[in-house]
Amino acid sequence: MSETPNRRIQVDLSGQSAIVTGASQGIGKSIALTLAAAGAKVACIARSKEKLAETAKAISDAGGTAAVYPCDVTDSAASQKVIEAVVAEWGQLDILVNNAGITRDTLIPRMSDEEWDDVIATNLRSVFIFTRGAIQEMMRKRSGRIINISSVSGIMGNPGQANYSASKAGIIGLTQTVAREIAGRKVTVNAICPGFISSEMTDAMGPVVQDEVKKRVPAKRLGEVEEIADAVLYLASASAAYLTGQTLVIDGGLTA
């Protein structure tokens, strides 16, 4: 029986609109490109207007539709204005991908209040803020997809990442709770926990550390951003309508 190599999943999101936070680089950029390639209009959210413009240009060059909304995702008022602007521009909000995240790694005895607060605010508070705002529109139209990017660090912890691991574990708990609250309105809420994914964040580790990481992963490689984006695409699709409150781990067997 022959295999079909490199086949991507086929999803039609034509007529739908999406918000992707942290869309300026890495996993978030790949998610934005993937949703746009499936036909969705994508609002790209991050602090850097210049990097967001690069994402939007890549989308438009490929024939898609994107808009740029520079925003501090930890700011409730600013984030709500973005959601309202997207709905005003495109008439609806169908998909929210909470991907924005930062690291401020250090061992807990040396971790400052600011390093703790910054990571919790960007990684967890932003998910609460955007979810709260998006839910109003999704419940009104009785449909929607919320996809939260957590991490394997939120499942098993990681030395030097008490703030990051706590924020990502919080996302899983928030996902499960909100899913229960709004499942009756046909809005699904799921989380994805990537393992070590090839991106700007892992590039900063350097080749020696990357090689050690690969030894820990049963698949013996880093994941690709497109593999996370494809999972988001499935969760955003009509095929995932009965899947909610779940955490999908994509880590090459690291936590198996």
Protein backbone atom coordinates (compact mmCIF):
# COMPACT_ATOMS: atom_id res chain seq x y z
CA MET A 1 0.00 0.00 0.00
CA SER A 2 1.65 3.23 -1.13
CA GLU A 3 1.98 6.30 1.05
CA THR A 4 1.21 9.89 0.05
CA PRO A 5 4.27 11.85 1.21
CA ASN A 6 4.13 15.37 2.63
CA ARG A 7 0.34 15.59 2.44
CA ARG A 8 -1.00 18.57 4.40
CA ILE A 9 -4.44 18.49 5.99
CA GLN A 10 -7.14 20.19 3.95
CA VAL A 11 -9.41 22.62 5.77
CA ASP A 12 -11.62 25.36 4.32
CA LEU A 13 -11.95 28.41 6.56
CA SER A 14 -13.30 30.72 3.87
CA GLY A 15 -15.49 33.49 5.27
CA GLN A 16 -14.08 33.14 8.77
CA SER A 17 -11.94 35.59 10.70
CA ALA A 18 -9.22 34.83 13.24
CA ILE A 19 -7.09 36.57 15.83
CA VAL A 20 -3.59 35.22 16.46
CA THR A 21 -1.58 36.73 19.31
CA GLY A 22 2.18 36.56 19.14
CA ALA A 23 1.94 36.43 15.34
CA SER A 24 5.18 38.28 14.66
CA GLN A 25 7.50 35.25 14.65
CA GLY A 26 7.95 31.55 15.31
CA ILE A 27 4.92 29.39 16.03
CA GLY A 28 2.52 32.34 15.96
CA LYS A 29 3.65 33.46 12.53
CA SER A 30 3.30 29.93 11.16
CA ILE A 31 -0.21 29.67 12.65
CA ALA A 32 -1.23 32.96 11.05
CA LEU A 33 0.11 31.87 7.65
CA THR A 34 -1.59 28.48 7.90
CA LEU A 35 -5.00 29.86 8.86
CA ALA A 36 -4.78 32.43 6.07
CA ALA A 37 -3.82 29.75 3.55
CA ALA A 38 -7.00 27.90 4.54
CA GLY A 39 -9.05 30.99 3.68
CA ALA A 40 -9.42 32.79 7.00
CA LYS A 41 -8.90 36.52 7.37
CA VAL A 42 -6.24 36.86 10.06
CA ALA A 43 -5.68 39.67 12.56
CA CYS A 44 -2.03 39.54 13.58
CA ILE A 45 -1.36 40.71 17.14
CA ALA A 46 1.95 41.48 18.86
CA ARG A 47 3.93 44.42 20.19
CA SER A 48 6.23 44.85 17.18
CA LYS A 49 4.50 46.60 14.29
CA GLU A 50 7.47 45.97 11.99
CA LYS A 51 7.55 42.20 12.54
CA LEU A 52 3.76 41.98 12.27
CA ALA A 53 3.99 43.78 8.93
CA GLU A 54 6.32 41.02 7.70
CA THR A 55 3.77 38.37 8.68
CA ALA A 56 0.94 40.28 7.01
CA LYS A 57 2.99 40.76 3.84
CA ALA A 58 3.75 37.05 3.67
CA ILE A 59 0.04 36.35 3.94
CA SER A 60 -0.96 38.90 1.30
CA ASP A 61 1.83 37.78 -1.05
CA ALA A 62 0.33 34.29 -0.87
CA GLY A 63 -3.12 35.63 -1.74
CA GLY A 64 -4.54 35.79 1.76
CA THR A 65 -6.06 38.55 3.88
CA ALA A 66 -4.40 39.93 6.99
CA ALA A 67 -4.54 42.97 9.24
CA VAL A 68 -1.95 44.25 11.69
CA TYR A 69 -2.88 45.30 15.23
CA PRO A 70 0.14 46.23 17.39
CA CYS A 71 -0.95 45.71 20.97
CA ASP A 72 0.32 45.04 24.47
CA VAL A 73 -1.55 41.79 25.08
CA THR A 74 -1.42 42.32 28.85
CA ASP A 75 -3.44 45.55 28.56
CA SER A 76 -7.15 44.81 29.03
CA ALA A 77 -8.45 48.00 27.42
CA ALA A 78 -6.13 47.83 24.43
CA SER A 79 -6.87 44.15 23.85
CA GLN A 80 -10.63 44.72 23.99
CA LYS A 81 -10.30 47.51 21.42
CA VAL A 82 -8.48 45.11 19.10
CA ILE A 83 -11.26 42.54 19.38
CA GLU A 84 -13.89 45.20 18.71
CA ALA A 85 -11.90 46.51 15.74
CA VAL A 86 -11.65 43.03 14.20
CA VAL A 87 -15.39 42.46 14.56
CA ALA A 88 -16.12 45.91 13.13
CA GLU A 89 -13.79 45.30 10.17
CA TRP A 90 -14.82 41.75 9.28
CA GLY A 91 -18.25 41.44 10.89
CA GLN A 92 -17.43 38.48 13.14
CA LEU A 93 -14.78 36.61 15.10
CA ASP A 94 -14.63 32.87 14.56
CA ILE A 95 -11.20 31.78 15.77
CA LEU A 96 -8.94 32.97 18.58
CA VAL A 97 -5.43 31.60 18.95
CA ASN A 98 -3.75 32.68 22.19
CA ASN A 99 -0.10 32.17 21.38
CA ALA A 100 1.76 35.19 22.80
CA GLY A 101 4.50 34.16 25.19
CA ILE A 102 7.86 35.12 26.64
CA THR A 103 10.54 33.55 28.82
CA ARG A 104 12.57 35.06 31.65
CA ASP A 105 14.50 31.98 32.74
CA THR A 106 16.44 31.72 35.98
CA LEU A 107 16.42 29.46 39.02
CA ILE A 108 13.77 30.30 41.61
CA PRO A 109 16.16 31.67 44.29
CA ARG A 110 17.33 34.31 41.82
CA MET A 111 13.99 35.02 40.14
CA SER A 112 12.85 38.62 40.64
CA ASP A 113 9.29 39.77 41.15
CA GLU A 114 9.46 41.45 37.73
CA GLU A 115 10.63 38.26 35.98
CA TRP A 116 7.73 36.37 37.55
CA ASP A 117 5.13 39.04 36.87
CA ASP A 118 6.19 39.71 33.26
CA VAL A 119 5.91 36.06 32.26
CA ILE A 120 2.62 35.44 34.06
CA ALA A 121 1.14 38.60 32.53
CA THR A 122 2.19 37.90 28.95
CA ASN A 123 1.65 34.14 28.94
CA LEU A 124 -1.44 33.73 31.14
CA ARG A 125 -3.15 37.05 31.78
CA SER A 126 -3.28 37.71 28.02
CA VAL A 127 -5.10 34.41 27.47
CA PHE A 128 -7.71 35.41 30.05
CA ILE A 129 -8.10 38.90 28.56
CA PHE A 130 -8.50 37.82 24.93
CA THR A 131 -10.67 34.82 25.82
CA ARG A 132 -13.03 36.96 27.90
CA GLY A 133 -13.36 39.47 25.07
CA ALA A 134 -13.76 36.92 22.28
CA ILE A 135 -16.34 34.84 24.12
CA GLN A 136 -18.91 37.63 24.02
CA GLU A 137 -18.90 37.65 20.23
CA MET A 138 -18.70 33.87 19.88
CA MET A 139 -21.55 33.17 22.28
CA ARG A 140 -23.69 35.72 20.46
CA LYS A 141 -23.30 33.85 17.16
CA ARG A 142 -23.24 30.44 18.91
CA SER A 143 -20.02 29.23 17.32
CA GLY A 144 -16.32 29.68 17.72
CA ARG A 145 -12.93 28.12 18.29
CA ILE A 146 -10.47 29.13 20.99
CA ILE A 147 -7.05 27.49 20.82
CA ASN A 148 -4.50 28.16 23.54
CA ILE A 149 -0.80 27.45 23.09
CA SER A 150 0.57 26.00 26.31
CA SER A 151 3.78 23.94 26.61
CA VAL A 152 5.12 20.63 27.86
CA SER A 153 6.75 22.79 30.55
CA GLY A 154 3.25 23.26 31.93
CA ILE A 155 2.91 19.48 32.29
CA MET A 156 6.28 18.32 33.60
CA GLY A 157 8.03 21.50 34.72
CA ASN A 158 11.52 22.56 33.70
CA PRO A 159 14.39 23.78 35.92
CA GLY A 160 14.89 27.52 35.58
CA GLN A 161 11.35 28.05 34.30
CA ALA A 162 9.17 28.30 37.40
CA ASN A 163 7.43 31.37 35.98
CA TYR A 164 7.05 29.91 32.47
CA SER A 165 5.89 26.48 33.70
CA ALA A 166 3.37 28.05 36.07
CA SER A 167 1.96 30.23 33.29
CA LYS A 168 1.64 27.31 30.88
CA ALA A 169 0.07 25.04 33.51
CA GLY A 170 -2.38 27.85 34.21
CA ILE A 171 -3.36 27.91 30.55
CA ILE A 172 -4.33 24.23 30.73
CA GLY A 173 -6.53 24.81 33.77
CA LEU A 174 -8.10 27.90 32.19
CA THR A 175 -8.76 25.97 28.98
CA GLN A 176 -10.57 23.15 30.78
CA THR A 177 -12.70 25.52 32.86
CA VAL A 178 -13.76 27.81 30.02
CA ALA A 179 -14.53 24.80 27.83
CA ARG A 180 -17.00 23.57 30.43
CA GLU A 181 -18.56 27.00 30.78
CA ILE A 182 -19.33 27.58 27.11
CA ALA A 183 -19.62 24.15 25.46
CA GLY A 184 -23.38 24.58 25.32
CA ARG A 185 -22.94 27.62 23.09
CA LYS A 186 -21.05 25.55 20.47
CA VAL A 187 -17.76 27.26 21.27
CA THR A 188 -14.82 24.89 21.72
CA VAL A 189 -11.74 25.63 23.82
CA ASN A 190 -8.63 23.48 23.54
CA ALA A 191 -4.94 23.71 24.33
CA ILE A 192 -1.83 22.57 22.50
CA CYS A 193 1.37 21.74 24.37
CA PRO A 194 4.36 21.92 22.03
CA GLY A 195 7.62 20.30 23.05
CA PHE A 196 10.92 21.56 21.72
CA ILE A 197 10.08 23.28 18.45
CA SER A 198 12.62 24.71 16.02
CA SER A 199 12.16 28.47 16.35
CA GLU A 200 13.89 31.65 17.44
CA MET A 201 13.53 30.49 21.05
CA THR A 202 15.33 27.17 20.49
CA ASP A 203 17.87 28.79 18.16
CA ALA A 204 18.99 30.85 21.14
CA MET A 205 19.99 27.62 22.92
CA GLY A 206 22.89 27.08 20.54
CA PRO A 207 23.82 23.83 18.74
CA VAL A 208 25.34 22.07 21.75
CA VAL A 209 22.22 22.44 23.90
CA GLN A 210 20.01 21.57 20.92
CA ASP A 211 21.91 18.31 20.45
CA GLU A 212 21.37 17.44 24.11
CA VAL A 213 17.67 18.22 23.77
CA LYS A 214 17.37 15.93 20.76
CA LYS A 215 18.86 13.09 22.80
CA ARG A 216 16.02 13.50 25.33
CA VAL A 217 13.31 13.38 22.67
CA PRO A 218 12.35 9.86 21.51
CA ALA A 219 11.78 11.18 17.97
CA LYS A 220 15.42 12.42 18.03
CA ARG A 221 14.59 15.78 16.47
CA LEU A 222 13.02 19.14 17.20
CA GLY A 223 9.48 19.72 16.02
CA GLU A 224 8.68 22.16 13.22
CA VAL A 225 6.44 25.21 13.61
CA GLU A 226 4.27 23.90 10.77
CA GLU A 227 3.45 20.81 12.82
CA ILE A 228 1.97 22.99 15.54
CA ALA A 229 0.16 25.16 12.98
CA ASP A 230 -1.43 22.10 11.37
CA ALA A 231 -2.80 21.03 14.76
CA VAL A 232 -4.28 24.50 15.24
CA LEU A 233 -5.83 24.25 11.79
CA TYR A 234 -7.53 20.98 12.71
CA LEU A 235 -8.84 22.36 16.01
CA ALA A 236 -10.19 25.39 14.14
CA SER A 237 -12.03 23.21 11.64
CA ALA A 238 -15.57 21.87 11.57
CA SER A 239 -14.12 18.38 12.07
CA ALA A 240 -13.21 19.29 15.67
CA ALA A 241 -16.69 20.44 16.69
CA TYR A 242 -17.04 17.76 19.38
CA LEU A 243 -13.52 18.19 20.75
CA THR A 244 -13.31 20.62 23.65
CA GLY A 245 -11.50 20.98 26.96
CA GLN A 246 -8.62 18.87 25.69
CA THR A 247 -4.85 19.27 25.75
CA LEU A 248 -2.99 18.03 22.69
CA VAL A 249 0.67 17.30 23.37
CA ILE A 250 3.01 17.54 20.37
CA ASP A 251 6.48 16.73 21.64
CA GLY A 252 7.98 13.80 19.75
CA GLY A 253 7.28 11.49 22.69
CA LEU A 254 9.11 13.59 25.32
CA THR A 255 6.35 13.27 27.93
CA ALA A 256 5.16 9.79 26.91
